[in-house]
Amino acid sequence: MTSLTHLDEHGAARMVDVGGKAETARSATASGRIRMAPATLAAVRDGSGPKGDVLAAARIAGIMAAKKTGELIPLCHPLALDSVSVGFAFLDDGIEVIARASLTGRTGVEMEALTAASIALLTIYDMAKALEKGMVISDIRLLEKTGGKSGHWRSE
């Protein structure tokens, strides 16, 4: 009926059987941005916001979220991740989040990297919303993935 891997021949949702796949080293990197006013950005950079160190909280939240992806997104496999990192880059009008997840396993970690980036961005919003409610989260996307049957892929 469809070539979508999470649907069976009748169109019903299913978890993909990865039991027969070979274990390979896999990684994924995702990013996203949050735009904010200059005063909000300065407070986040300086750690002078009302809730303290915004980026430390966002880093921990992103790592925790990657570990919980299988519980948050239906049909995702729970994965034993080898590594998760969440980093930040200050932009003129906000912050870019870069999240990377890796493991040796039978399925990829794209969703874990995307979840880490998303939750880190939401945490930045939560930590800074007392300063500015109009911040905009955007451009959450996969930058690169390695391993598995499809091999290496990089966004243009």
C-alpha atoms as a PDB file:
ATOM      1  CA  MET A   1       0.000   0.000   0.000  1.00  0.00           C
ATOM      2  CA  THR A   2       2.843   2.401   0.806  1.00  0.00           C
ATOM      3  CA  SER A   3       6.611   2.584   0.968  1.00  0.00           C
ATOM      4  CA  LEU A   4       6.565   4.433   4.294  1.00  0.00           C
ATOM      5  CA  THR A   5       8.425   2.265   6.785  1.00  0.00           C
ATOM      6  CA  HIS A   6       6.131   3.016   9.741  1.00  0.00           C
ATOM      7  CA  LEU A   7       3.009   1.773   7.932  1.00  0.00           C
ATOM      8  CA  ASP A   8       2.196  -1.859   7.253  1.00  0.00           C
ATOM      9  CA  GLU A   9       0.654  -3.203   4.034  1.00  0.00           C
ATOM     10  CA  HIS A  10      -2.809  -2.128   5.269  1.00  0.00           C
ATOM     11  CA  GLY A  11      -1.759   1.402   6.212  1.00  0.00           C
ATOM     12  CA  ALA A  12      -1.711   0.747   9.957  1.00  0.00           C
ATOM     13  CA  ALA A  13       1.041   2.273  12.087  1.00  0.00           C
ATOM     14  CA  ARG A  14       3.815  -0.102  13.136  1.00  0.00           C
ATOM     15  CA  MET A  15       7.221  -0.006  14.757  1.00  0.00           C
ATOM     16  CA  VAL A  16       9.873  -0.975  12.225  1.00  0.00           C
ATOM     17  CA  ASP A  17      11.555  -4.322  12.951  1.00  0.00           C
ATOM     18  CA  VAL A  18      15.276  -3.599  13.152  1.00  0.00           C
ATOM     19  CA  GLY A  19      16.193  -6.982  14.660  1.00  0.00           C
ATOM     20  CA  GLY A  20      17.855  -8.287  11.496  1.00  0.00           C
ATOM     21  CA  LYS A  21      19.872  -5.169  10.771  1.00  0.00           C
ATOM     22  CA  ALA A  22      23.604  -5.055  11.423  1.00  0.00           C
ATOM     23  CA  GLU A  23      24.929  -2.856  14.196  1.00  0.00           C
ATOM     24  CA  THR A  24      26.939   0.043  12.827  1.00  0.00           C
ATOM     25  CA  ALA A  25      28.336   3.275  14.206  1.00  0.00           C
ATOM     26  CA  ARG A  26      25.717   5.972  13.651  1.00  0.00           C
ATOM     27  CA  SER A  27      25.526   9.665  14.387  1.00  0.00           C
ATOM     28  CA  ALA A  28      23.277  12.603  13.658  1.00  0.00           C
ATOM     29  CA  THR A  29      23.644  16.354  14.055  1.00  0.00           C
ATOM     30  CA  ALA A  30      20.689  18.730  14.177  1.00  0.00           C
ATOM     31  CA  SER A  31      20.308  22.449  14.697  1.00  0.00           C
ATOM     32  CA  GLY A  32      17.730  25.135  15.323  1.00  0.00           C
ATOM     33  CA  ARG A  33      17.559  28.828  16.138  1.00  0.00           C
ATOM     34  CA  ILE A  34      15.826  31.127  18.532  1.00  0.00           C
ATOM     35  CA  ARG A  35      15.521  34.815  17.684  1.00  0.00           C
ATOM     36  CA  MET A  36      15.289  37.373  20.459  1.00  0.00           C
ATOM     37  CA  ALA A  37      15.708  41.061  21.176  1.00  0.00           C
ATOM     38  CA  PRO A  38      19.217  42.395  21.825  1.00  0.00           C
ATOM     39  CA  ALA A  39      18.507  42.974  25.530  1.00  0.00           C
ATOM     40  CA  THR A  40      17.293  39.396  25.982  1.00  0.00           C
ATOM     41  CA  LEU A  41      20.301  38.040  24.119  1.00  0.00           C
ATOM     42  CA  ALA A  42      22.649  40.084  26.316  1.00  0.00           C
ATOM     43  CA  ALA A  43      20.977  38.757  29.475  1.00  0.00           C
ATOM     44  CA  VAL A  44      21.277  35.166  28.254  1.00  0.00           C
ATOM     45  CA  ARG A  45      24.911  35.697  27.279  1.00  0.00           C
ATOM     46  CA  ASP A  46      25.747  37.348  30.624  1.00  0.00           C
ATOM     47  CA  GLY A  47      23.712  34.964  32.755  1.00  0.00           C
ATOM     48  CA  SER A  48      21.853  37.942  34.219  1.00  0.00           C
ATOM     49  CA  GLY A  49      18.319  36.732  33.492  1.00  0.00           C
ATOM     50  CA  PRO A  50      15.870  36.074  36.339  1.00  0.00           C
ATOM     51  CA  LYS A  51      16.266  32.273  36.109  1.00  0.00           C
ATOM     52  CA  GLY A  52      20.071  32.106  36.035  1.00  0.00           C
ATOM     53  CA  ASP A  53      22.287  30.237  33.589  1.00  0.00           C
ATOM     54  CA  VAL A  54      19.987  29.696  30.606  1.00  0.00           C
ATOM     55  CA  LEU A  55      22.432  27.742  28.463  1.00  0.00           C
ATOM     56  CA  ALA A  56      23.455  25.330  31.220  1.00  0.00           C
ATOM     57  CA  ALA A  57      19.800  24.420  31.763  1.00  0.00           C
ATOM     58  CA  ALA A  58      19.195  24.148  28.004  1.00  0.00           C
ATOM     59  CA  ARG A  59      22.220  21.864  27.544  1.00  0.00           C
ATOM     60  CA  ILE A  60      21.067  19.469  30.267  1.00  0.00           C
ATOM     61  CA  ALA A  61      17.470  19.538  28.983  1.00  0.00           C
ATOM     62  CA  GLY A  62      18.617  18.712  25.451  1.00  0.00           C
ATOM     63  CA  ILE A  63      20.729  15.779  26.622  1.00  0.00           C
ATOM     64  CA  MET A  64      17.908  14.446  28.783  1.00  0.00           C
ATOM     65  CA  ALA A  65      15.438  14.821  25.903  1.00  0.00           C
ATOM     66  CA  ALA A  66      17.635  12.824  23.518  1.00  0.00           C
ATOM     67  CA  LYS A  67      17.686   9.996  26.053  1.00  0.00           C
ATOM     68  CA  LYS A  68      13.870  10.069  26.298  1.00  0.00           C
ATOM     69  CA  THR A  69      13.070  10.307  22.567  1.00  0.00           C
ATOM     70  CA  GLY A  70      11.669   6.764  22.399  1.00  0.00           C
ATOM     71  CA  GLU A  71       9.175   7.714  25.125  1.00  0.00           C
ATOM     72  CA  LEU A  72       8.170  11.000  23.482  1.00  0.00           C
ATOM     73  CA  ILE A  73       7.740  10.119  19.811  1.00  0.00           C
ATOM     74  CA  PRO A  74       5.456   7.219  18.883  1.00  0.00           C
ATOM     75  CA  LEU A  75       7.147   4.333  17.041  1.00  0.00           C
ATOM     76  CA  CYS A  76      10.702   5.498  17.860  1.00  0.00           C
ATOM     77  CA  HIS A  77      12.897   2.770  19.277  1.00  0.00           C
ATOM     78  CA  PRO A  78      14.325   3.324  22.763  1.00  0.00           C
ATOM     79  CA  LEU A  79      18.065   3.623  22.175  1.00  0.00           C
ATOM     80  CA  ALA A  80      21.145   3.190  24.332  1.00  0.00           C
ATOM     81  CA  LEU A  81      22.997   6.297  23.217  1.00  0.00           C
ATOM     82  CA  ASP A  82      26.778   6.395  23.441  1.00  0.00           C
ATOM     83  CA  SER A  83      27.010  10.178  23.371  1.00  0.00           C
ATOM     84  CA  VAL A  84      24.886  13.316  23.221  1.00  0.00           C
ATOM     85  CA  SER A  85      26.235  16.849  23.020  1.00  0.00           C
ATOM     86  CA  VAL A  86      24.430  20.180  22.869  1.00  0.00           C
ATOM     87  CA  GLY A  87      26.294  23.357  21.925  1.00  0.00           C
ATOM     88  CA  PHE A  88      25.395  26.975  21.306  1.00  0.00           C
ATOM     89  CA  ALA A  89      26.492  29.739  18.972  1.00  0.00           C
ATOM     90  CA  PHE A  90      25.539  33.365  19.535  1.00  0.00           C
ATOM     91  CA  LEU A  91      24.139  35.088  16.461  1.00  0.00           C
ATOM     92  CA  ASP A  92      23.404  38.775  15.902  1.00  0.00           C
ATOM     93  CA  ASP A  93      19.709  38.203  16.575  1.00  0.00           C
ATOM     94  CA  GLY A  94      19.654  35.096  18.766  1.00  0.00           C
ATOM     95  CA  ILE A  95      21.187  31.714  19.456  1.00  0.00           C
ATOM     96  CA  GLU A  96      21.791  28.637  17.328  1.00  0.00           C
ATOM     97  CA  VAL A  97      21.620  25.240  19.026  1.00  0.00           C
ATOM     98  CA  ILE A  98      23.658  22.348  17.619  1.00  0.00           C
ATOM     99  CA  ALA A  99      22.910  18.868  18.973  1.00  0.00           C
ATOM    100  CA  ARG A 100      24.707  15.631  18.152  1.00  0.00           C
ATOM    101  CA  ALA A 101      23.828  12.070  19.128  1.00  0.00           C
ATOM    102  CA  SER A 102      25.724   8.857  18.426  1.00  0.00           C
ATOM    103  CA  LEU A 103      25.624   5.136  19.106  1.00  0.00           C
ATOM    104  CA  THR A 104      26.531   1.764  17.727  1.00  0.00           C
ATOM    105  CA  GLY A 105      23.244   0.128  16.883  1.00  0.00           C
ATOM    106  CA  ARG A 106      20.623  -1.028  14.402  1.00  0.00           C
ATOM    107  CA  THR A 107      18.776   2.234  13.846  1.00  0.00           C
ATOM    108  CA  GLY A 108      19.692   5.862  13.366  1.00  0.00           C
ATOM    109  CA  VAL A 109      19.726   8.695  15.869  1.00  0.00           C
ATOM    110  CA  GLU A 110      18.261  11.499  13.752  1.00  0.00           C
ATOM    111  CA  MET A 111      15.204  11.825  15.992  1.00  0.00           C
ATOM    112  CA  GLU A 112      17.371  11.958  19.104  1.00  0.00           C
ATOM    113  CA  ALA A 113      19.464  14.816  17.704  1.00  0.00           C
ATOM    114  CA  LEU A 114      16.343  16.678  16.534  1.00  0.00           C
ATOM    115  CA  THR A 115      14.651  16.170  19.894  1.00  0.00           C
ATOM    116  CA  ALA A 116      17.725  17.410  21.751  1.00  0.00           C
ATOM    117  CA  ALA A 117      17.866  20.573  19.634  1.00  0.00           C
ATOM    118  CA  SER A 118      14.125  21.191  19.977  1.00  0.00           C
ATOM    119  CA  ILE A 119      14.010  20.802  23.744  1.00  0.00           C
ATOM    120  CA  ALA A 120      17.159  22.886  24.223  1.00  0.00           C
ATOM    121  CA  LEU A 121      15.459  25.671  22.248  1.00  0.00           C
ATOM    122  CA  LEU A 122      12.243  25.344  24.246  1.00  0.00           C
ATOM    123  CA  THR A 123      14.268  25.514  27.452  1.00  0.00           C
ATOM    124  CA  ILE A 124      15.961  28.721  26.317  1.00  0.00           C
ATOM    125  CA  TYR A 125      12.493  30.134  25.667  1.00  0.00           C
ATOM    126  CA  ASP A 126      11.244  29.008  29.075  1.00  0.00           C
ATOM    127  CA  MET A 127      14.267  30.407  30.908  1.00  0.00           C
ATOM    128  CA  ALA A 128      14.078  33.793  29.138  1.00  0.00           C
ATOM    129  CA  LYS A 129      10.320  34.278  28.683  1.00  0.00           C
ATOM    130  CA  ALA A 130      10.150  36.640  31.677  1.00  0.00           C
ATOM    131  CA  LEU A 131      12.338  38.990  29.622  1.00  0.00           C
ATOM    132  CA  GLU A 132      10.616  38.481  26.263  1.00  0.00           C
ATOM    133  CA  LYS A 133       7.580  36.488  25.237  1.00  0.00           C
ATOM    134  CA  GLY A 134       7.962  37.154  21.496  1.00  0.00           C
ATOM    135  CA  MET A 135      11.053  35.021  20.889  1.00  0.00           C
ATOM    136  CA  VAL A 136      10.783  32.892  17.744  1.00  0.00           C
ATOM    137  CA  ILE A 137      12.041  29.309  17.450  1.00  0.00           C
ATOM    138  CA  SER A 138      12.778  28.281  13.863  1.00  0.00           C
ATOM    139  CA  ASP A 139      14.860  26.284  11.410  1.00  0.00           C
ATOM    140  CA  ILE A 140      14.991  23.016  13.356  1.00  0.00           C
ATOM    141  CA  ARG A 141      16.583  20.571  10.943  1.00  0.00           C
ATOM    142  CA  LEU A 142      18.897  17.655  10.430  1.00  0.00           C
ATOM    143  CA  LEU A 143      22.355  18.787   9.345  1.00  0.00           C
ATOM    144  CA  GLU A 144      24.095  15.444   8.941  1.00  0.00           C
ATOM    145  CA  LYS A 145      23.767  11.724   9.619  1.00  0.00           C
ATOM    146  CA  THR A 146      26.234   8.874   9.306  1.00  0.00           C
ATOM    147  CA  GLY A 147      26.024   5.098   9.361  1.00  0.00           C
ATOM    148  CA  GLY A 148      23.399   2.567   8.484  1.00  0.00           C
ATOM    149  CA  LYS A 149      22.217   1.329   5.121  1.00  0.00           C
ATOM    150  CA  SER A 150      21.843   4.840   3.645  1.00  0.00           C
ATOM    151  CA  GLY A 151      25.354   5.850   4.754  1.00  0.00           C
ATOM    152  CA  HIS A 152      26.487   9.441   5.053  1.00  0.00           C
ATOM    153  CA  TRP A 153      24.095  12.319   4.358  1.00  0.00           C
ATOM    154  CA  ARG A 154      24.709  16.038   4.751  1.00  0.00           C
ATOM    155  CA  SER A 155      22.320  18.949   4.293  1.00  0.00           C
ATOM    156  CA  GLU A 156      23.221  21.488   1.647  1.00  0.00           C
END
